Amino acid sequence: MDATTAPHLIPPEMPQYGEDNHIFEMMQNMLEQLLIHQPEDPISFMIIHLRRNNDNVPKIMILGPPASGKTTIAMWLCKHLNSNLITKENLLSREYSSLATEAKKYFETYKRIPNAMLINLVHERLCEDDCLRQGWILEGIPETREQALMIQTLGLAPKHVIVLNAPDTVLIERNVGKRIDPVTGEIYHTTFDWPPEAEVQNRLIEPEGISEIETAKKLLDYHRNIVRILPSYPKFLKTISADQPCVDVFYQVCCGQLLKEAVAAKTAFGELIQPFFEKRMTVPDNIITRGLADRLDKQDCIQKGWVLHGFPRDLDQAKMLSAMGYSPNRVFFLNVPLDSILERLTLRRTDPVTGERFHLMYKPPPTVEVQVRLLQNPKDSEDHIRLQTELFYRNCGDLEDYYSRAITINGDQDPYTVFEYIESGIINPLPRKVS
């Protein structure tokens, strides 16, 4: 545009075009790369960057103490995203890299790799074609703040940094039972993750350095370093409790279920909500209802109907749902006294070793040993439960008025009785309310 003709009138189609074609994100990514690499020829650099077209590929770091499950999660995530898993072990085993050969010889002699040598190995690998096209998942690296700073200096910026946490006592107990399949690289455990196939069982090997004393030393080193690494990634950091089954950890790493599926499927709606997932922000109501509309318009919902659980949560969401033409023919409210809610939720516990769930009143642990190691989810704390209950009942009155023909059921009964009441409400005609 000619500056002498200002002020310029920007057509309203231009911002929409920019949103639809991700122009703003593209410009931001290009500016970041220019500032990081500071090329002598910025135009040529940007042309190469655009041709590469890899701004949206996975770039993930997974960090965690020994036995936190980071290797398993990284492998699952790699398969799920069709990306490249980068570990210290597979960096050293590369056959056609002189740098890897040098690093391997150094490691065999000194049992460690200098920071600069390791990060150069990482840089060499991440610049290869498959990593540029499919992205990368870096497991266990960086190990120190010095390594993190070297990675940043080279312009290797992750989009996500996942940190797994768990109590040291749990990690030590996990580590001593660890076994590795030398063929597939899969990790198993002698107590709670033993492979069923005899062939796999026979070839499992015990990794080095997993004794209680050796694990404790590694944990001490990890805690000393991780607190200095995390400040390097304030905007990309996501901390997850590893003191739960690996499947639960995996789903938290990957990103309600409808929204996750949309992101994974790379739909237009998924692309719309992905920034909210990445920034761990609440997805706005108008965007949620759009995704919900897409799901309710699918053939299975049209043929078989649908059940919404926990939605709408307030009057605005209910009105938006109706305005889009999705009116439920049955609405049920389950009422439970606060004392019963607290009794049900605050007494829930999880065994960090087996992943089994207990309730101190209804399903107590079988032994004192198990009881001692049980842990409570922070979401089951009394303060959190009181807050959530208050929010529910604050909106409940407006929703009951809006859905005037709703059926209210006493939820403070055994599940079978509650189910029978709901089934009766579905089968029988709706009651007429006397005005």
Protein backbone atom coordinates (compact mmCIF):
# COMPACT_ATOMS: atom_id res chain seq x y z
CA MET A 1 0.00 0.00 0.00
CA ASP A 2 1.09 3.55 -0.72
CA ALA A 3 1.63 5.41 2.57
CA THR A 4 0.80 8.74 0.90
CA THR A 5 -2.80 7.64 0.35
CA ALA A 6 -3.50 7.07 4.07
CA PRO A 7 -5.83 6.57 5.84
CA HIS A 8 -6.49 3.18 4.23
CA LEU A 9 -9.89 1.57 4.33
CA ILE A 10 -9.46 -2.15 4.98
CA PRO A 11 -12.29 -4.24 3.49
CA PRO A 12 -14.07 -6.40 6.11
CA GLU A 13 -13.25 -9.50 4.03
CA MET A 14 -9.54 -9.14 4.74
CA PRO A 15 -9.57 -10.04 8.47
CA GLN A 16 -11.91 -12.96 7.75
CA TYR A 17 -9.60 -14.19 4.99
CA GLY A 18 -6.68 -13.94 7.40
CA GLU A 19 -8.53 -15.98 10.03
CA ASP A 20 -9.73 -18.61 7.55
CA ASN A 21 -6.29 -19.17 6.05
CA HIS A 22 -4.22 -18.82 9.26
CA ILE A 23 -2.34 -15.83 7.85
CA PHE A 24 -1.79 -14.29 11.29
CA GLU A 25 -0.30 -17.49 12.74
CA MET A 26 1.90 -17.89 9.67
CA MET A 27 3.25 -14.35 9.99
CA GLN A 28 3.90 -14.83 13.70
CA ASN A 29 5.79 -18.09 13.07
CA MET A 30 7.87 -16.53 10.31
CA LEU A 31 8.75 -13.53 12.46
CA GLU A 32 9.80 -15.83 15.30
CA GLN A 33 12.07 -17.81 12.97
CA LEU A 34 13.62 -14.62 11.56
CA LEU A 35 14.40 -13.33 15.05
CA ILE A 36 15.84 -16.68 16.14
CA HIS A 37 18.03 -17.38 13.08
CA GLN A 38 18.67 -13.79 11.90
CA PRO A 39 19.54 -14.87 8.31
CA GLU A 40 21.62 -12.66 6.04
CA ASP A 41 19.03 -13.05 3.29
CA PRO A 42 15.60 -12.89 5.01
CA ILE A 43 13.60 -13.26 1.75
CA SER A 44 15.29 -16.51 0.74
CA PHE A 45 15.01 -17.77 4.30
CA MET A 46 11.24 -17.10 4.37
CA ILE A 47 10.74 -18.78 0.97
CA ILE A 48 12.50 -21.92 2.21
CA HIS A 49 10.50 -21.79 5.43
CA LEU A 50 7.19 -21.56 3.55
CA ARG A 51 8.12 -24.40 1.20
CA ARG A 52 8.96 -26.55 4.19
CA ASN A 53 5.37 -26.03 5.48
CA ASN A 54 6.04 -27.60 8.88
CA ASP A 55 4.83 -24.96 11.35
CA ASN A 56 2.06 -27.28 12.56
CA VAL A 57 4.00 -30.54 12.97
CA PRO A 58 4.45 -31.92 16.52
CA LYS A 59 7.37 -30.46 18.47
CA ILE A 60 7.14 -31.95 21.94
CA MET A 61 9.46 -32.46 24.90
CA ILE A 62 8.55 -35.04 27.54
CA LEU A 63 10.46 -34.73 30.81
CA GLY A 64 10.15 -36.62 34.06
CA PRO A 65 12.05 -38.51 36.76
CA PRO A 66 13.12 -42.16 36.40
CA ALA A 67 10.15 -44.59 36.30
CA SER A 68 7.63 -41.80 35.70
CA GLY A 69 6.58 -43.49 32.46
CA LYS A 70 7.95 -40.83 30.11
CA THR A 71 9.41 -43.41 27.72
CA THR A 72 6.11 -45.28 27.43
CA ILE A 73 4.12 -42.06 26.99
CA ALA A 74 6.60 -40.80 24.39
CA MET A 75 6.34 -44.04 22.41
CA TRP A 76 2.53 -44.03 22.50
CA LEU A 77 2.44 -40.38 21.52
CA CYS A 78 4.87 -41.00 18.68
CA LYS A 79 2.61 -43.73 17.26
CA HIS A 80 -0.51 -41.63 17.79
CA LEU A 81 0.92 -38.58 15.99
CA ASN A 82 2.98 -40.50 13.42
CA SER A 83 6.01 -38.53 14.53
CA ASN A 84 9.67 -39.25 15.31
CA LEU A 85 10.82 -40.34 18.77
CA ILE A 86 14.18 -38.87 19.76
CA THR A 87 16.02 -40.30 22.78
CA LYS A 88 19.62 -40.26 23.92
CA GLU A 89 19.83 -43.98 23.16
CA ASN A 90 18.68 -43.80 19.54
CA LEU A 91 20.81 -40.72 18.94
CA LEU A 92 23.93 -42.68 19.95
CA SER A 93 22.95 -45.70 17.83
CA ARG A 94 22.79 -43.81 14.52
CA GLU A 95 25.08 -45.53 12.01
CA TYR A 96 25.70 -42.83 9.42
CA SER A 97 26.61 -39.96 11.72
CA SER A 98 30.22 -39.23 12.54
CA LEU A 99 29.04 -37.10 15.44
CA ALA A 100 27.05 -40.06 16.84
CA THR A 101 30.09 -42.33 16.49
CA GLU A 102 32.23 -39.83 18.38
CA ALA A 103 29.59 -39.40 21.09
CA LYS A 104 29.19 -43.16 21.48
CA LYS A 105 32.94 -43.66 22.00
CA TYR A 106 32.97 -40.85 24.56
CA PHE A 107 29.99 -42.36 26.40
CA GLU A 108 31.56 -45.83 26.49
CA THR A 109 34.67 -44.35 28.10
CA TYR A 110 33.23 -41.76 30.49
CA LYS A 111 29.58 -42.95 30.89
CA ARG A 112 28.32 -39.49 30.01
CA ILE A 113 28.05 -37.12 27.05
CA PRO A 114 29.16 -33.46 27.16
CA ASN A 115 26.27 -31.02 26.90
CA ALA A 116 27.46 -29.46 23.65
CA MET A 117 27.98 -32.84 22.00
CA LEU A 118 24.51 -34.09 23.01
CA ILE A 119 22.72 -30.93 21.82
CA ASN A 120 24.62 -30.98 18.52
CA LEU A 121 23.41 -34.56 18.08
CA VAL A 122 19.86 -33.41 18.74
CA HIS A 123 20.22 -30.52 16.31
CA GLU A 124 21.63 -32.78 13.60
CA ARG A 125 18.72 -35.21 13.99
CA LEU A 126 15.96 -32.60 14.12
CA CYS A 127 17.22 -30.99 10.92
CA GLU A 128 16.75 -34.22 8.95
CA ASP A 129 13.92 -34.51 6.46
CA ASP A 130 11.62 -36.86 8.41
CA CYS A 131 11.72 -34.62 11.50
CA LEU A 132 11.05 -31.54 9.39
CA ARG A 133 8.05 -33.22 7.73
CA GLN A 134 6.56 -35.19 10.65
CA GLY A 135 7.85 -33.35 13.70
CA TRP A 136 9.55 -34.80 16.73
CA ILE A 137 9.05 -35.97 20.31
CA LEU A 138 12.13 -35.42 22.46
CA GLU A 139 12.17 -37.76 25.46
CA GLY A 140 14.27 -36.93 28.52
CA ILE A 141 16.13 -34.03 26.88
CA PRO A 142 17.12 -31.43 28.07
CA GLU A 143 18.57 -32.88 31.27
CA THR A 144 20.08 -29.62 32.56
CA ARG A 145 19.52 -25.87 32.29
CA GLU A 146 22.69 -25.59 30.22
CA GLN A 147 21.25 -28.01 27.66
CA ALA A 148 17.94 -26.12 27.62
CA LEU A 149 19.75 -22.85 26.88
CA MET A 150 21.80 -24.48 24.11
CA ILE A 151 18.60 -25.82 22.52
CA GLN A 152 17.06 -22.35 22.60
CA THR A 153 20.19 -20.81 21.11
CA LEU A 154 19.91 -23.19 18.14
CA GLY A 155 16.32 -22.09 17.56
CA LEU A 156 14.78 -25.47 18.45
CA ALA A 157 11.56 -24.28 20.05
CA PRO A 158 9.06 -26.89 21.29
CA LYS A 159 5.32 -26.28 21.11
CA HIS A 160 4.65 -28.39 24.19
CA VAL A 161 6.76 -29.34 27.21
CA ILE A 162 5.17 -32.17 29.20
CA VAL A 163 6.53 -32.78 32.71
CA LEU A 164 5.49 -35.94 34.58
CA ASN A 165 5.53 -35.91 38.39
CA ALA A 166 5.09 -38.61 41.05
CA PRO A 167 6.24 -39.25 44.66
CA ASP A 168 9.77 -40.64 44.95
CA THR A 169 8.58 -43.67 46.94
CA VAL A 170 6.27 -44.66 44.09
CA LEU A 171 8.99 -44.13 41.48
CA ILE A 172 11.52 -46.26 43.35
CA GLU A 173 9.00 -49.10 43.71
CA ARG A 174 8.19 -48.89 40.01
CA ASN A 175 11.79 -48.79 38.87
CA VAL A 176 13.05 -51.92 40.60
CA GLY A 177 10.51 -54.05 38.68
CA LYS A 178 11.17 -52.54 35.26
CA ARG A 179 11.98 -54.83 32.32
CA ILE A 180 12.67 -53.97 28.66
CA ASP A 181 11.89 -55.84 25.46
CA PRO A 182 15.14 -55.55 23.42
CA VAL A 183 13.26 -56.20 20.17
CA THR A 184 10.47 -53.60 20.39
CA GLY A 185 11.81 -51.30 23.09
CA GLU A 186 8.55 -51.65 25.04
CA ILE A 187 8.81 -51.37 28.82
CA TYR A 188 7.10 -53.84 31.18
CA HIS A 189 6.91 -54.41 34.93
CA THR A 190 7.22 -57.61 36.90
CA THR A 191 4.24 -56.81 39.14
CA PHE A 192 1.54 -54.92 37.28
CA ASP A 193 2.46 -54.87 33.57
CA TRP A 194 3.76 -58.34 32.72
CA PRO A 195 3.35 -59.34 29.03
CA PRO A 196 1.03 -62.34 28.43
CA GLU A 197 3.13 -63.80 25.58
CA ALA A 198 5.73 -66.35 26.73
CA GLU A 199 8.01 -65.40 23.85
CA VAL A 200 8.11 -61.78 25.02
CA GLN A 201 8.56 -62.80 28.68
CA ASN A 202 11.62 -64.91 27.86
CA ARG A 203 13.46 -62.14 26.03
CA LEU A 204 12.88 -59.36 28.58
CA ILE A 205 16.01 -57.94 30.14
CA GLU A 206 16.65 -55.99 33.32
CA PRO A 207 18.06 -52.55 32.55
CA GLU A 208 21.12 -51.28 34.34
CA GLY A 209 20.95 -48.86 37.24
CA ILE A 210 17.48 -49.68 38.59
CA SER A 211 18.37 -50.68 42.15
CA GLU A 212 16.81 -48.71 44.99
CA ILE A 213 20.05 -46.84 45.79
CA GLU A 214 20.85 -46.06 42.17
CA THR A 215 17.28 -44.86 41.54
CA ALA A 216 17.40 -42.62 44.61
CA LYS A 217 20.62 -41.00 43.33
CA LYS A 218 19.07 -40.41 39.89
CA LEU A 219 16.00 -38.87 41.49
CA LEU A 220 18.18 -36.52 43.51
CA ASP A 221 19.97 -35.38 40.32
CA TYR A 222 16.66 -34.98 38.49
CA HIS A 223 15.08 -32.80 41.21
CA ARG A 224 18.21 -30.67 41.37
CA ASN A 225 18.09 -29.99 37.61
CA ILE A 226 14.39 -29.84 36.75
CA VAL A 227 13.72 -26.74 38.87
CA ARG A 228 16.30 -24.90 36.74
CA ILE A 229 14.97 -26.22 33.42
CA LEU A 230 11.27 -25.34 33.83
CA PRO A 231 11.70 -21.52 33.84
CA SER A 232 13.00 -21.84 30.25
CA TYR A 233 9.56 -22.95 29.02
CA PRO A 234 6.92 -20.89 30.88
CA LYS A 235 4.45 -20.68 27.97
CA PHE A 236 4.68 -24.29 26.78
CA LEU A 237 4.68 -26.11 30.11
CA LYS A 238 2.10 -28.69 31.15
CA THR A 239 2.60 -30.68 34.37
CA ILE A 240 0.82 -34.03 34.72
CA SER A 241 0.69 -36.44 37.64
CA ALA A 242 2.30 -39.72 36.65
CA ASP A 243 0.88 -41.30 39.79
CA GLN A 244 -1.98 -42.86 37.83
CA PRO A 245 -2.40 -45.50 35.10
CA CYS A 246 -0.40 -44.79 31.93
CA VAL A 247 -3.56 -44.68 29.83
CA ASP A 248 -4.94 -41.81 31.95
CA VAL A 249 -1.63 -39.97 31.68
CA PHE A 250 -1.63 -40.46 27.91
CA TYR A 251 -5.09 -38.97 27.44
CA GLN A 252 -4.13 -35.95 29.53
CA VAL A 253 -1.01 -35.50 27.43
CA CYS A 254 -2.96 -35.71 24.20
CA CYS A 255 -5.39 -32.92 25.05
CA GLY A 256 -14.59 -33.20 27.34
CA GLN A 257 -13.99 -36.11 24.67
CA LEU A 258 -15.77 -34.46 21.75
CA LEU A 259 -13.25 -31.62 21.70
CA LYS A 260 -10.28 -33.99 21.80
CA GLU A 261 -11.63 -36.01 18.88
CA ALA A 262 -12.14 -32.87 16.83
CA VAL A 263 -8.55 -31.77 17.38
CA ALA A 264 -7.17 -35.23 16.60
CA ALA A 265 -9.26 -35.52 13.41
CA LYS A 266 -7.87 -32.19 12.14
CA THR A 267 -11.34 -30.95 11.27
CA ALA A 268 -12.07 -27.27 10.72
CA PHE A 269 -13.62 -27.20 14.18
CA GLY A 270 -10.59 -28.97 15.60
CA GLU A 271 -8.30 -26.32 14.16
CA LEU A 272 -10.54 -23.65 15.68
CA ILE A 273 -10.32 -24.99 19.23
CA GLN A 274 -6.70 -26.17 19.12
CA PRO A 275 -5.29 -22.81 20.35
CA PHE A 276 -7.50 -23.07 23.45
CA PHE A 277 -6.15 -26.55 24.21
CA GLU A 278 -2.57 -25.45 23.70
CA LYS A 279 -3.01 -22.50 26.08
CA ARG A 280 -5.12 -24.59 28.54
CA MET A 281 -7.96 -22.04 28.25
CA THR A 282 -11.70 -22.68 28.53
CA VAL A 283 -13.30 -23.07 25.09
CA PRO A 284 -15.98 -20.34 24.64
CA ASP A 285 -19.66 -21.39 24.66
CA ASN A 286 -20.34 -20.37 21.07
CA ILE A 287 -17.47 -22.56 19.85
CA ILE A 288 -18.55 -25.52 21.99
CA THR A 289 -22.10 -25.36 20.64
CA ARG A 290 -20.77 -25.31 17.08
CA GLY A 291 -18.83 -28.51 17.74
CA LEU A 292 -21.83 -30.02 19.47
CA ALA A 293 -24.02 -29.17 16.48
CA ASP A 294 -21.59 -30.95 14.15
CA ARG A 295 -21.79 -34.07 16.32
CA LEU A 296 -25.58 -34.05 16.72
CA ASP A 297 -26.02 -33.70 12.96
CA LYS A 298 -24.21 -36.98 12.30
CA GLN A 299 -26.26 -39.90 11.06
CA ASP A 300 -26.01 -42.03 14.22
CA CYS A 301 -27.43 -39.20 16.35
CA ILE A 302 -30.21 -38.60 13.85
CA GLN A 303 -31.14 -42.29 13.79
CA LYS A 304 -30.60 -43.28 17.43
CA GLY A 305 -30.94 -40.00 19.31
CA TRP A 306 -28.47 -38.54 21.79
CA VAL A 307 -27.78 -38.07 25.50
CA LEU A 308 -25.95 -35.01 26.82
CA HIS A 309 -24.31 -35.30 30.22
CA GLY A 310 -23.43 -32.14 32.13
CA PHE A 311 -24.44 -29.83 29.29
CA PRO A 312 -25.88 -27.20 29.25
CA ARG A 313 -24.33 -25.92 32.45
CA ASP A 314 -26.09 -22.57 32.57
CA LEU A 315 -29.00 -20.65 31.06
CA ASP A 316 -26.93 -19.06 28.28
CA GLN A 317 -25.78 -22.45 27.02
CA ALA A 318 -29.34 -23.78 27.16
CA LYS A 319 -30.64 -20.86 25.09
CA MET A 320 -27.83 -21.23 22.54
CA LEU A 321 -28.63 -24.94 22.20
CA SER A 322 -32.33 -24.22 21.60
CA ALA A 323 -31.58 -21.40 19.17
CA MET A 324 -29.62 -23.86 17.03
CA GLY A 325 -32.61 -26.19 16.88
CA TYR A 326 -31.51 -28.87 19.36
CA SER A 327 -34.23 -29.23 21.96
CA PRO A 328 -34.11 -32.27 24.27
CA ASN A 329 -37.35 -34.20 24.70
CA ARG A 330 -36.36 -35.30 28.20
CA VAL A 331 -34.39 -33.39 30.85
CA PHE A 332 -33.44 -34.95 34.19
CA PHE A 333 -32.04 -33.20 37.25
CA LEU A 334 -30.32 -35.39 39.85
CA ASN A 335 -30.36 -33.78 43.29
CA VAL A 336 -27.97 -34.96 45.99
CA PRO A 337 -27.38 -33.32 49.41
CA LEU A 338 -23.98 -31.72 49.91
CA ASP A 339 -23.15 -34.10 52.77
CA SER A 340 -23.68 -37.11 50.48
CA ILE A 341 -21.64 -35.51 47.71
CA LEU A 342 -18.74 -34.93 50.08
CA GLU A 343 -19.02 -38.48 51.41
CA ARG A 344 -18.96 -39.94 47.91
CA LEU A 345 -16.11 -37.87 46.51
CA THR A 346 -13.75 -36.82 49.29
CA LEU A 347 -13.23 -40.42 50.41
CA ARG A 348 -12.14 -41.65 46.97
CA ARG A 349 -8.55 -42.84 46.74
CA THR A 350 -6.24 -44.38 44.12
CA ASP A 351 -3.49 -46.95 44.54
CA PRO A 352 -0.47 -45.44 42.71
CA VAL A 353 1.10 -48.88 42.25
CA THR A 354 -1.79 -50.80 40.68
CA GLY A 355 -4.01 -47.93 39.56
CA GLU A 356 -6.97 -49.51 41.37
CA ARG A 357 -9.53 -47.13 42.86
CA PHE A 358 -10.93 -47.42 46.36
CA HIS A 359 -13.43 -45.66 48.61
CA LEU A 360 -12.60 -45.48 52.29
CA MET A 361 -16.23 -46.26 53.21
CA TYR A 362 -17.76 -48.26 50.35
CA LYS A 363 -14.68 -50.04 49.00
CA PRO A 364 -11.87 -49.90 51.56
CA PRO A 365 -8.36 -51.14 50.67
CA PRO A 366 -7.73 -54.83 51.48
CA THR A 367 -4.57 -54.30 53.58
CA VAL A 368 -2.92 -51.66 55.73
CA GLU A 369 0.03 -51.62 53.31
CA VAL A 370 -2.24 -50.59 50.45
CA GLN A 371 -4.09 -48.06 52.61
CA VAL A 372 -0.88 -46.26 53.57
CA ARG A 373 0.10 -45.59 49.96
CA LEU A 374 -3.31 -44.46 48.71
CA LEU A 375 -3.51 -40.98 47.21
CA GLN A 376 -6.35 -38.49 46.76
CA ASN A 377 -6.99 -36.62 43.54
CA PRO A 378 -6.80 -32.84 44.18
CA LYS A 379 -10.20 -32.50 42.47
CA ASP A 380 -11.69 -34.59 45.29
CA SER A 381 -10.66 -32.13 48.00
CA GLU A 382 -13.52 -30.74 50.12
CA ASP A 383 -12.88 -27.13 49.04
CA HIS A 384 -12.96 -28.01 45.35
CA ILE A 385 -16.12 -30.13 45.71
CA ARG A 386 -17.91 -27.35 47.63
CA LEU A 387 -17.01 -24.84 44.92
CA GLN A 388 -18.24 -27.07 42.08
CA THR A 389 -21.45 -27.89 43.94
CA GLU A 390 -22.10 -24.21 44.61
CA LEU A 391 -21.61 -23.39 40.91
CA PHE A 392 -24.01 -26.16 39.89
CA TYR A 393 -26.83 -25.15 42.22
CA ARG A 394 -26.31 -21.47 41.39
CA ASN A 395 -27.28 -22.23 37.78
CA CYS A 396 -29.69 -25.07 38.53
CA GLY A 397 -32.71 -22.84 39.35
CA ASP A 398 -32.55 -20.99 36.03
CA LEU A 399 -32.22 -24.25 34.12
CA GLU A 400 -35.18 -25.82 35.94
CA ASP A 401 -37.31 -22.79 35.05
CA TYR A 402 -36.15 -22.90 31.44
CA TYR A 403 -36.82 -26.65 31.07
CA SER A 404 -40.25 -26.42 32.73
CA ARG A 405 -41.12 -30.04 31.99
CA ALA A 406 -37.89 -31.43 33.44
CA ILE A 407 -38.00 -34.40 35.83
CA THR A 408 -36.22 -34.07 39.16
CA ILE A 409 -34.90 -37.27 40.73
CA ASN A 410 -33.40 -37.93 44.14
CA GLY A 411 -29.87 -39.01 43.29
CA ASP A 412 -29.09 -39.96 46.88
CA GLN A 413 -30.10 -43.60 46.28
CA ASP A 414 -28.43 -46.71 44.94
CA PRO A 415 -27.60 -46.46 41.18
CA TYR A 416 -30.12 -49.14 40.16
CA THR A 417 -33.03 -47.24 41.74
CA VAL A 418 -31.93 -44.00 40.08
CA PHE A 419 -31.65 -45.79 36.74
CA GLU A 420 -35.18 -47.19 37.08
CA TYR A 421 -36.57 -43.72 37.72
CA ILE A 422 -34.77 -42.34 34.66
CA GLU A 423 -35.92 -45.28 32.52
CA SER A 424 -39.49 -44.69 33.66
CA GLY A 425 -39.21 -41.02 32.75
CA ILE A 426 -38.02 -41.94 29.25
CA ILE A 427 -40.64 -44.60 28.55
CA ASN A 428 -43.68 -42.83 30.01
CA PRO A 429 -45.17 -39.60 28.61
CA LEU A 430 -43.98 -36.37 30.18
CA PRO A 431 -46.15 -35.20 33.07
CA ARG A 432 -48.25 -32.12 32.54
CA LYS A 433 -47.41 -29.34 34.95
CA VAL A 434 -50.36 -27.58 36.53
CA SER A 435 -50.05 -23.82 36.06
